[in-house]
């Protein structure tokens, strides 16, 4: 499971959530989620604001559009470790 010291996440261009491993982790950035485009935004679109990571590694944030009445959503992404 990722911890705050080993994962940096960022929203780019208001459309995608990417994870960047720290120097201690080998690898490259990973696309975690691509937010819907206009017309298909039930799961949220136009993410905004800061992201919050809890002690289990789940990432929380908000979107400005999507959901009921297209008034925005709160999202949670659980980052699971890779299994072999």
Protein backbone atom coordinates (compact mmCIF):
# COMPACT_ATOMS: atom_id res chain seq x y z
CA UNK A 1 0.00 0.00 0.00
CA UNK A 2 1.26 3.49 -0.81
CA UNK A 3 1.99 5.88 2.04
CA UNK A 4 2.15 9.67 1.95
CA UNK A 5 5.95 9.67 1.88
CA UNK A 6 6.10 7.36 -1.13
CA UNK A 7 3.42 8.80 -3.38
CA UNK A 8 2.71 12.24 -4.75
CA UNK A 9 -0.52 12.71 -6.65
CA UNK A 10 -1.57 15.63 -8.78
CA UNK A 11 -4.47 16.76 -10.92
CA UNK A 12 -3.48 17.82 -14.42
CA UNK A 13 -5.44 19.98 -16.84
CA UNK A 14 -8.52 19.39 -14.73
CA UNK A 15 -8.98 15.99 -16.33
CA UNK A 16 -6.65 13.33 -14.94
CA UNK A 17 -5.27 12.17 -11.62
CA UNK A 18 -1.67 10.99 -11.83
CA UNK A 19 0.56 9.41 -9.21
CA UNK A 20 4.28 10.10 -9.11
CA UNK A 21 6.52 7.72 -7.17
CA UNK A 22 9.09 9.26 -4.87
CA UNK A 23 12.82 8.86 -5.45
CA UNK A 24 12.73 5.81 -3.16
CA UNK A 25 10.38 3.98 -5.53
CA UNK A 26 11.35 2.74 -8.97
CA UNK A 27 8.96 3.59 -11.76
CA UNK A 28 7.20 6.35 -13.60
CA UNK A 29 3.98 8.27 -13.18
CA UNK A 30 0.76 6.27 -13.34
CA UNK A 31 -2.65 7.39 -14.57
CA UNK A 32 -5.05 6.61 -11.71
CA UNK A 33 -8.25 8.04 -13.17
CA UNK A 34 -9.44 10.05 -16.15
CA UNK A 35 -12.42 12.23 -15.31
CA UNK A 36 -15.43 12.33 -17.65
CA UNK A 37 -15.81 14.79 -20.45
CA UNK A 38 -18.91 16.99 -20.91
CA UNK A 39 -21.93 14.81 -21.60
CA UNK A 40 -20.46 11.84 -19.71
CA UNK A 41 -19.69 13.40 -16.35
CA UNK A 42 -21.82 11.35 -13.94
CA UNK A 43 -18.63 10.29 -12.14
CA UNK A 44 -17.32 13.86 -11.94
CA UNK A 45 -15.54 16.36 -14.15
CA UNK A 46 -13.29 19.37 -13.62
CA UNK A 47 -11.47 18.22 -10.46
CA UNK A 48 -10.41 21.17 -8.33
CA UNK A 49 -8.62 21.98 -5.10
CA UNK A 50 -6.17 20.00 -3.05
CA UNK A 51 -6.08 16.23 -2.69
CA UNK A 52 -6.11 14.54 0.70
CA UNK A 53 -4.58 11.12 1.45
CA UNK A 54 -5.72 9.18 4.51
CA UNK A 55 -3.67 6.74 6.59
CA UNK A 56 -4.71 3.80 4.37
CA UNK A 57 -3.48 5.53 1.21
CA UNK A 58 -6.94 6.44 -0.15
CA UNK A 59 -6.98 9.75 -2.05
CA UNK A 60 -9.95 12.15 -1.71
CA UNK A 61 -10.87 15.21 -3.74
CA UNK A 62 -13.75 17.12 -5.30
CA UNK A 63 -14.99 17.98 -8.78
CA UNK A 64 -16.86 21.09 -9.88
CA UNK A 65 -19.22 19.20 -12.24
CA UNK A 66 -20.89 15.81 -12.37
CA UNK A 67 -23.14 13.90 -10.02
CA UNK A 68 -26.79 14.74 -9.29
CA UNK A 69 -27.73 17.98 -11.02
CA UNK A 70 -24.15 18.30 -12.29
CA UNK A 71 -23.27 20.21 -9.11
CA UNK A 72 -20.03 18.34 -8.41
CA UNK A 73 -18.85 15.21 -6.65
CA UNK A 74 -16.56 14.08 -3.86
CA UNK A 75 -14.31 11.24 -5.02
CA UNK A 76 -12.23 8.59 -3.31
CA UNK A 77 -9.56 6.51 -5.03
CA UNK A 78 -8.08 3.52 -3.29
CA UNK A 79 -4.57 2.77 -4.47
CA UNK A 80 -3.90 -0.95 -4.24
CA UNK A 81 -0.46 -2.51 -4.31
CA UNK A 82 0.52 -4.58 -7.33
CA UNK A 83 0.34 -8.34 -6.91
CA UNK A 84 2.43 -10.85 -8.80
